[in-house]
Amino acid sequence: QLIKPRVSKKLGSRFKNLTNISMDEINEYG
């Protein structure tokens, strides 16, 4: 399950590079 963040609406570059998770994916499935 993807989870919509409450604290930060931005994903860190390291996190995105490591997981390939995007905010578009989170907004659709989170």
PDB file of all heavy atoms in Angstrom:
ATOM      1  N   GLN A   1       0.830  -1.190   0.000  1.00  0.00           N
ATOM      2  CA  GLN A   1       0.000   0.000   0.000  1.00  0.00           C
ATOM      3  C   GLN A   1       0.878   1.259   0.000  1.00  0.00           C
ATOM      4  O   GLN A   1       1.794   1.379   0.815  1.00  0.00           O
ATOM      5  CB  GLN A   1      -0.914   0.023   1.224  1.00  0.00           C
ATOM      6  CG  GLN A   1      -1.844   1.220   1.281  1.00  0.00           C
ATOM      7  CD  GLN A   1      -2.792   1.251   0.092  1.00  0.00           C
ATOM      8  OE1 GLN A   1      -3.593   0.335  -0.112  1.00  0.00           O
ATOM      9  NE2 GLN A   1      -2.705   2.311  -0.712  1.00  0.00           N
ATOM     10  N   LEU A   2       0.570   2.168  -0.912  1.00  0.00           N
ATOM     11  CA  LEU A   2       1.183   3.494  -0.885  1.00  0.00           C
ATOM     12  C   LEU A   2       0.396   4.373   0.084  1.00  0.00           C
ATOM     13  O   LEU A   2      -0.819   4.204   0.258  1.00  0.00           O
ATOM     14  CB  LEU A   2       1.178   4.125  -2.271  1.00  0.00           C
ATOM     15  CG  LEU A   2       2.185   3.557  -3.269  1.00  0.00           C
ATOM     16  CD1 LEU A   2       1.891   4.068  -4.676  1.00  0.00           C
ATOM     17  CD2 LEU A   2       3.609   3.926  -2.863  1.00  0.00           C
ATOM     18  N   ILE A   3       1.094   5.307   0.733  1.00  0.00           N
ATOM     19  CA  ILE A   3       0.485   6.154   1.763  1.00  0.00           C
ATOM     20  C   ILE A   3       0.718   7.619   1.416  1.00  0.00           C
ATOM     21  O   ILE A   3       1.851   8.031   1.137  1.00  0.00           O
ATOM     22  CB  ILE A   3       1.079   5.830   3.144  1.00  0.00           C
ATOM     23  CG1 ILE A   3       0.803   4.367   3.504  1.00  0.00           C
ATOM     24  CG2 ILE A   3       0.524   6.764   4.215  1.00  0.00           C
ATOM     25  CD1 ILE A   3       1.556   3.884   4.724  1.00  0.00           C
ATOM     26  N   LYS A   4      -0.350   8.388   1.434  1.00  0.00           N
ATOM     27  CA  LYS A   4      -0.223   9.817   1.134  1.00  0.00           C
ATOM     28  C   LYS A   4       0.439  10.526   2.322  1.00  0.00           C
ATOM     29  O   LYS A   4      -0.053  10.441   3.451  1.00  0.00           O
ATOM     30  CB  LYS A   4      -1.596  10.419   0.874  1.00  0.00           C
ATOM     31  CG  LYS A   4      -2.231   9.941  -0.428  1.00  0.00           C
ATOM     32  CD  LYS A   4      -3.587  10.595  -0.666  1.00  0.00           C
ATOM     33  CE  LYS A   4      -4.177  10.142  -1.997  1.00  0.00           C
ATOM     34  NZ  LYS A   4      -5.506  10.749  -2.253  1.00  0.00           N
ATOM     35  N   PRO A   5       1.540  11.214   2.078  1.00  0.00           N
ATOM     36  CA  PRO A   5       2.239  11.887   3.187  1.00  0.00           C
ATOM     37  C   PRO A   5       1.441  13.052   3.744  1.00  0.00           C
ATOM     38  O   PRO A   5       0.710  13.729   3.017  1.00  0.00           O
ATOM     39  CB  PRO A   5       3.543  12.363   2.539  1.00  0.00           C
ATOM     40  CG  PRO A   5       3.246  12.453   1.079  1.00  0.00           C
ATOM     41  CD  PRO A   5       2.226  11.392   0.789  1.00  0.00           C
ATOM     42  N   ARG A   6       1.577  13.274   5.033  1.00  0.00           N
ATOM     43  CA  ARG A   6       0.917  14.402   5.704  1.00  0.00           C
ATOM     44  C   ARG A   6       1.884  15.552   5.944  1.00  0.00           C
ATOM     45  O   ARG A   6       1.494  16.714   5.890  1.00  0.00           O
ATOM     46  CB  ARG A   6       0.351  13.950   7.055  1.00  0.00           C
ATOM     47  CG  ARG A   6      -0.754  12.923   7.002  1.00  0.00           C
ATOM     48  CD  ARG A   6      -1.246  12.616   8.419  1.00  0.00           C
ATOM     49  NE  ARG A   6      -2.262  11.582   8.450  1.00  0.00           N
ATOM     50  CZ  ARG A   6      -2.837  11.148   9.562  1.00  0.00           C
ATOM     51  NH1 ARG A   6      -2.512  11.687  10.734  1.00  0.00           N
ATOM     52  NH2 ARG A   6      -3.745  10.186   9.525  1.00  0.00           N
ATOM     53  N   VAL A   7       3.128  15.216   6.240  1.00  0.00           N
ATOM     54  CA  VAL A   7       4.087  16.240   6.663  1.00  0.00           C
ATOM     55  C   VAL A   7       4.678  16.972   5.471  1.00  0.00           C
ATOM     56  O   VAL A   7       4.774  18.193   5.460  1.00  0.00           O
ATOM     57  CB  VAL A   7       5.214  15.609   7.507  1.00  0.00           C
ATOM     58  CG1 VAL A   7       6.288  16.641   7.843  1.00  0.00           C
ATOM     59  CG2 VAL A   7       4.637  15.020   8.793  1.00  0.00           C
ATOM     60  N   SER A   8       5.106  16.244   4.465  1.00  0.00           N
ATOM     61  CA  SER A   8       5.762  16.865   3.313  1.00  0.00           C
ATOM     62  C   SER A   8       5.119  16.382   2.025  1.00  0.00           C
ATOM     63  O   SER A   8       4.952  15.180   1.816  1.00  0.00           O
ATOM     64  CB  SER A   8       7.256  16.529   3.298  1.00  0.00           C
ATOM     65  OG  SER A   8       7.878  17.056   2.149  1.00  0.00           O
ATOM     66  N   LYS A   9       4.752  17.318   1.176  1.00  0.00           N
ATOM     67  CA  LYS A   9       4.167  16.979  -0.126  1.00  0.00           C
ATOM     68  C   LYS A   9       5.239  16.815  -1.200  1.00  0.00           C
ATOM     69  O   LYS A   9       4.923  16.549  -2.360  1.00  0.00           O
ATOM     70  CB  LYS A   9       3.174  18.075  -0.557  1.00  0.00           C
ATOM     71  CG  LYS A   9       2.031  18.279   0.424  1.00  0.00           C
ATOM     72  CD  LYS A   9       1.232  17.001   0.637  1.00  0.00           C
ATOM     73  CE  LYS A   9       0.081  17.212   1.622  1.00  0.00           C
ATOM     74  NZ  LYS A   9      -0.675  15.972   1.877  1.00  0.00           N
ATOM     75  N   LYS A  10       6.496  16.978  -0.808  1.00  0.00           N
ATOM     76  CA  LYS A  10       7.608  16.795  -1.739  1.00  0.00           C
ATOM     77  C   LYS A  10       8.410  15.574  -1.348  1.00  0.00           C
ATOM     78  O   LYS A  10       8.648  15.328  -0.165  1.00  0.00           O
ATOM     79  CB  LYS A  10       8.514  18.028  -1.746  1.00  0.00           C
ATOM     80  CG  LYS A  10       7.919  19.236  -2.448  1.00  0.00           C
ATOM     81  CD  LYS A  10       8.956  20.354  -2.551  1.00  0.00           C
ATOM     82  CE  LYS A  10       8.406  21.527  -3.343  1.00  0.00           C
ATOM     83  NZ  LYS A  10       9.427  22.610  -3.499  1.00  0.00           N
ATOM     84  N   LEU A  11       8.837  14.820  -2.338  1.00  0.00           N
ATOM     85  CA  LEU A  11       9.681  13.662  -2.102  1.00  0.00           C
ATOM     86  C   LEU A  11      11.133  14.045  -2.338  1.00  0.00           C
ATOM     87  O   LEU A  11      11.457  14.725  -3.315  1.00  0.00           O
ATOM     88  CB  LEU A  11       9.291  12.515  -3.050  1.00  0.00           C
ATOM     89  CG  LEU A  11       7.845  12.020  -2.953  1.00  0.00           C
ATOM     90  CD1 LEU A  11       7.583  10.956  -4.010  1.00  0.00           C
ATOM     91  CD2 LEU A  11       7.563  11.457  -1.565  1.00  0.00           C
ATOM     92  N   GLY A  12      12.004  13.610  -1.425  1.00  0.00           N
ATOM     93  CA  GLY A  12      13.423  13.906  -1.566  1.00  0.00           C
ATOM     94  C   GLY A  12      14.005  13.232  -2.803  1.00  0.00           C
ATOM     95  O   GLY A  12      13.547  12.166  -3.226  1.00  0.00           O
ATOM     96  N   SER A  13      15.026  13.849  -3.371  1.00  0.00           N
ATOM     97  CA  SER A  13      15.639  13.306  -4.588  1.00  0.00           C
ATOM     98  C   SER A  13      16.243  11.928  -4.333  1.00  0.00           C
ATOM     99  O   SER A  13      16.154  11.039  -5.183  1.00  0.00           O
ATOM    100  CB  SER A  13      16.705  14.271  -5.116  1.00  0.00           C
ATOM    101  OG  SER A  13      17.685  14.528  -4.131  1.00  0.00           O
ATOM    102  N   ARG A  14      16.838  11.731  -3.167  1.00  0.00           N
ATOM    103  CA  ARG A  14      17.427  10.426  -2.857  1.00  0.00           C
ATOM    104  C   ARG A  14      16.341   9.357  -2.793  1.00  0.00           C
ATOM    105  O   ARG A  14      16.515   8.244  -3.313  1.00  0.00           O
ATOM    106  CB  ARG A  14      18.187  10.484  -1.532  1.00  0.00           C
ATOM    107  CG  ARG A  14      18.884   9.170  -1.178  1.00  0.00           C
ATOM    108  CD  ARG A  14      19.653   9.284   0.137  1.00  0.00           C
ATOM    109  NE  ARG A  14      20.331   8.040   0.451  1.00  0.00           N
ATOM    110  CZ  ARG A  14      19.762   6.988   1.027  1.00  0.00           C
ATOM    111  NH1 ARG A  14      18.468   7.057   1.346  1.00  0.00           N
ATOM    112  NH2 ARG A  14      20.440   5.893   1.282  1.00  0.00           N
ATOM    113  N   PHE A  15      15.216   9.691  -2.165  1.00  0.00           N
ATOM    114  CA  PHE A  15      14.104   8.751  -2.061  1.00  0.00           C
ATOM    115  C   PHE A  15      13.574   8.389  -3.444  1.00  0.00           C
ATOM    116  O   PHE A  15      13.335   7.215  -3.750  1.00  0.00           O
ATOM    117  CB  PHE A  15      12.988   9.356  -1.204  1.00  0.00           C
ATOM    118  CG  PHE A  15      11.733   8.529  -1.151  1.00  0.00           C
ATOM    119  CD1 PHE A  15      11.617   7.478  -0.260  1.00  0.00           C
ATOM    120  CD2 PHE A  15      10.666   8.805  -2.006  1.00  0.00           C
ATOM    121  CE1 PHE A  15      10.457   6.708  -0.219  1.00  0.00           C
ATOM    122  CE2 PHE A  15       9.508   8.042  -1.965  1.00  0.00           C
ATOM    123  CZ  PHE A  15       9.409   6.998  -1.067  1.00  0.00           C
ATOM    124  N   LYS A  16      13.383   9.381  -4.294  1.00  0.00           N
ATOM    125  CA  LYS A  16      12.845   9.127  -5.636  1.00  0.00           C
ATOM    126  C   LYS A  16      13.807   8.300  -6.470  1.00  0.00           C
ATOM    127  O   LYS A  16      13.383   7.387  -7.195  1.00  0.00           O
ATOM    128  CB  LYS A  16      12.544  10.459  -6.336  1.00  0.00           C
ATOM    129  CG  LYS A  16      11.351  11.204  -5.751  1.00  0.00           C
ATOM    130  CD  LYS A  16      10.949  12.402  -6.578  1.00  0.00           C
ATOM    131  CE  LYS A  16      11.970  13.518  -6.513  1.00  0.00           C
ATOM    132  NZ  LYS A  16      11.527  14.726  -7.223  1.00  0.00           N
ATOM    133  N   ASN A  17      15.105   8.593  -6.362  1.00  0.00           N
ATOM    134  CA  ASN A  17      16.096   7.838  -7.129  1.00  0.00           C
ATOM    135  C   ASN A  17      16.195   6.392  -6.655  1.00  0.00           C
ATOM    136  O   ASN A  17      16.438   5.477  -7.449  1.00  0.00           O
ATOM    137  CB  ASN A  17      17.464   8.504  -7.032  1.00  0.00           C
ATOM    138  CG  ASN A  17      17.513   9.848  -7.726  1.00  0.00           C
ATOM    139  OD1 ASN A  17      16.734  10.093  -8.666  1.00  0.00           O
ATOM    140  ND2 ASN A  17      18.403  10.732  -7.281  1.00  0.00           N
ATOM    141  N   LEU A  18      16.015   6.200  -5.341  1.00  0.00           N
ATOM    142  CA  LEU A  18      16.161   4.865  -4.760  1.00  0.00           C
ATOM    143  C   LEU A  18      14.949   3.983  -5.049  1.00  0.00           C
ATOM    144  O   LEU A  18      15.090   2.785  -5.333  1.00  0.00           O
ATOM    145  CB  LEU A  18      16.367   4.989  -3.245  1.00  0.00           C
ATOM    146  CG  LEU A  18      16.951   3.803  -2.485  1.00  0.00           C
ATOM    147  CD1 LEU A  18      18.372   3.517  -2.953  1.00  0.00           C
ATOM    148  CD2 LEU A  18      16.946   4.071  -0.994  1.00  0.00           C
ATOM    149  N   THR A  19      13.763   4.561  -4.966  1.00  0.00           N
ATOM    150  CA  THR A  19      12.536   3.765  -5.051  1.00  0.00           C
ATOM    151  C   THR A  19      11.791   3.897  -6.375  1.00  0.00           C
ATOM    152  O   THR A  19      10.955   3.039  -6.697  1.00  0.00           O
ATOM    153  CB  THR A  19      11.559   4.173  -3.933  1.00  0.00           C
ATOM    154  OG1 THR A  19      11.140   5.528  -4.157  1.00  0.00           O
ATOM    155  CG2 THR A  19      12.216   4.066  -2.564  1.00  0.00           C
ATOM    156  N   ASN A  20      12.050   4.991  -7.104  1.00  0.00           N
ATOM    157  CA  ASN A  20      11.293   5.304  -8.331  1.00  0.00           C
ATOM    158  C   ASN A  20       9.817   5.564  -8.045  1.00  0.00           C
ATOM    159  O   ASN A  20       8.964   5.432  -8.932  1.00  0.00           O
ATOM    160  CB  ASN A  20      11.430   4.197  -9.387  1.00  0.00           C
ATOM    161  CG  ASN A  20      12.834   4.127  -9.951  1.00  0.00           C
ATOM    162  OD1 ASN A  20      13.450   5.158 -10.236  1.00  0.00           O
ATOM    163  ND2 ASN A  20      13.359   2.918 -10.106  1.00  0.00           N
ATOM    164  N   ILE A  21       9.512   5.915  -6.793  1.00  0.00           N
ATOM    165  CA  ILE A  21       8.151   6.307  -6.436  1.00  0.00           C
ATOM    166  C   ILE A  21       7.974   7.790  -6.745  1.00  0.00           C
ATOM    167  O   ILE A  21       8.833   8.610  -6.415  1.00  0.00           O
ATOM    168  CB  ILE A  21       7.866   6.036  -4.946  1.00  0.00           C
ATOM    169  CG1 ILE A  21       7.898   4.530  -4.660  1.00  0.00           C
ATOM    170  CG2 ILE A  21       6.510   6.613  -4.538  1.00  0.00           C
ATOM    171  CD1 ILE A  21       7.764   4.195  -3.172  1.00  0.00           C
ATOM    172  N   SER A  22       6.881   8.151  -7.375  1.00  0.00           N
ATOM    173  CA  SER A  22       6.606   9.544  -7.711  1.00  0.00           C
ATOM    174  C   SER A  22       5.346  10.013  -6.985  1.00  0.00           C
ATOM    175  O   SER A  22       4.518   9.201  -6.556  1.00  0.00           O
ATOM    176  CB  SER A  22       6.414   9.698  -9.219  1.00  0.00           C
ATOM    177  OG  SER A  22       5.227   9.029  -9.627  1.00  0.00           O
ATOM    178  N   MET A  23       5.175  11.337  -6.904  1.00  0.00           N
ATOM    179  CA  MET A  23       3.971  11.883  -6.282  1.00  0.00           C
ATOM    180  C   MET A  23       2.740  11.572  -7.124  1.00  0.00           C
ATOM    181  O   MET A  23       1.640  11.400  -6.586  1.00  0.00           O
ATOM    182  CB  MET A  23       4.095  13.392  -6.087  1.00  0.00           C
ATOM    183  CG  MET A  23       4.901  13.803  -4.861  1.00  0.00           C
ATOM    184  SD  MET A  23       4.324  13.090  -3.287  1.00  0.00           S
ATOM    185  CE  MET A  23       2.620  13.627  -3.226  1.00  0.00           C
ATOM    186  N   ASP A  24       2.911  11.451  -8.436  1.00  0.00           N
ATOM    187  CA  ASP A  24       1.773  11.081  -9.291  1.00  0.00           C
ATOM    188  C   ASP A  24       1.263   9.691  -8.922  1.00  0.00           C
ATOM    189  O   ASP A  24       0.047   9.463  -8.844  1.00  0.00           O
ATOM    190  CB  ASP A  24       2.198  11.108 -10.769  1.00  0.00           C
ATOM    191  CG  ASP A  24       2.393  12.527 -11.284  1.00  0.00           C
ATOM    192  OD1 ASP A  24       1.849  13.453 -10.657  1.00  0.00           O
ATOM    193  OD2 ASP A  24       3.098  12.688 -12.299  1.00  0.00           O
ATOM    194  N   GLU A  25       2.198   8.752  -8.687  1.00  0.00           N
ATOM    195  CA  GLU A  25       1.817   7.400  -8.304  1.00  0.00           C
ATOM    196  C   GLU A  25       1.136   7.401  -6.938  1.00  0.00           C
ATOM    197  O   GLU A  25       0.133   6.700  -6.721  1.00  0.00           O
ATOM    198  CB  GLU A  25       3.050   6.491  -8.283  1.00  0.00           C
ATOM    199  CG  GLU A  25       2.737   5.033  -7.999  1.00  0.00           C
ATOM    200  CD  GLU A  25       3.986   4.159  -7.918  1.00  0.00           C
ATOM    201  OE1 GLU A  25       5.113   4.690  -8.068  1.00  0.00           O
ATOM    202  OE2 GLU A  25       3.826   2.944  -7.676  1.00  0.00           O
ATOM    203  N   ILE A  26       1.681   8.189  -6.000  1.00  0.00           N
ATOM    204  CA  ILE A  26       1.094   8.260  -4.658  1.00  0.00           C
ATOM    205  C   ILE A  26      -0.307   8.868  -4.704  1.00  0.00           C
ATOM    206  O   ILE A  26      -1.239   8.368  -4.059  1.00  0.00           O
ATOM    207  CB  ILE A  26       2.000   9.082  -3.726  1.00  0.00           C
ATOM    208  CG1 ILE A  26       3.313   8.341  -3.475  1.00  0.00           C
ATOM    209  CG2 ILE A  26       1.294   9.362  -2.401  1.00  0.00           C
ATOM    210  CD1 ILE A  26       4.344   9.152  -2.723  1.00  0.00           C
ATOM    211  N   ASN A  27      -0.465   9.943  -5.477  1.00  0.00           N
ATOM    212  CA  ASN A  27      -1.776  10.588  -5.566  1.00  0.00           C
ATOM    213  C   ASN A  27      -2.825   9.666  -6.189  1.00  0.00           C
ATOM    214  O   ASN A  27      -4.007   9.739  -5.849  1.00  0.00           O
ATOM    215  CB  ASN A  27      -1.669  11.873  -6.384  1.00  0.00           C
ATOM    216  CG  ASN A  27      -0.915  12.975  -5.634  1.00  0.00           C
ATOM    217  OD1 ASN A  27      -0.932  13.008  -4.415  1.00  0.00           O
ATOM    218  ND2 ASN A  27      -0.259  13.858  -6.380  1.00  0.00           N
ATOM    219  N   GLU A  28      -2.388   8.786  -7.099  1.00  0.00           N
ATOM    220  CA  GLU A  28      -3.328   7.888  -7.755  1.00  0.00           C
ATOM    221  C   GLU A  28      -3.682   6.675  -6.892  1.00  0.00           C
ATOM    222  O   GLU A  28      -4.845   6.261  -6.840  1.00  0.00           O
ATOM    223  CB  GLU A  28      -2.753   7.419  -9.092  1.00  0.00           C
ATOM    224  CG  GLU A  28      -3.717   6.550  -9.895  1.00  0.00           C
ATOM    225  CD  GLU A  28      -3.211   6.224 -11.292  1.00  0.00           C
ATOM    226  OE1 GLU A  28      -2.116   6.699 -11.654  1.00  0.00           O
ATOM    227  OE2 GLU A  28      -3.926   5.495 -12.018  1.00  0.00           O
ATOM    228  N   TYR A  29      -2.670   6.121  -6.209  1.00  0.00           N
ATOM    229  CA  TYR A  29      -2.893   4.860  -5.505  1.00  0.00           C
ATOM    230  C   TYR A  29      -2.767   4.957  -3.974  1.00  0.00           C
ATOM    231  O   TYR A  29      -3.091   3.998  -3.273  1.00  0.00           O
ATOM    232  CB  TYR A  29      -1.893   3.792  -5.988  1.00  0.00           C
ATOM    233  CG  TYR A  29      -2.006   3.495  -7.458  1.00  0.00           C
ATOM    234  CD1 TYR A  29      -1.024   3.941  -8.354  1.00  0.00           C
ATOM    235  CD2 TYR A  29      -3.082   2.773  -7.960  1.00  0.00           C
ATOM    236  CE1 TYR A  29      -1.121   3.669  -9.708  1.00  0.00           C
ATOM    237  CE2 TYR A  29      -3.187   2.498  -9.318  1.00  0.00           C
ATOM    238  CZ  TYR A  29      -2.203   2.953 -10.190  1.00  0.00           C
ATOM    239  OH  TYR A  29      -2.296   2.686 -11.537  1.00  0.00           O
ATOM    240  N   GLY A  30      -2.321   6.081  -3.474  1.00  0.00           N
ATOM    241  CA  GLY A  30      -2.099   6.206  -2.042  1.00  0.00           C
ATOM    242  C   GLY A  30      -3.369   6.476  -1.255  1.00  0.00           C
ATOM    243  O   GLY A  30      -4.344   7.013  -1.776  1.00  0.00           O
TER     244      GLY A  30
END
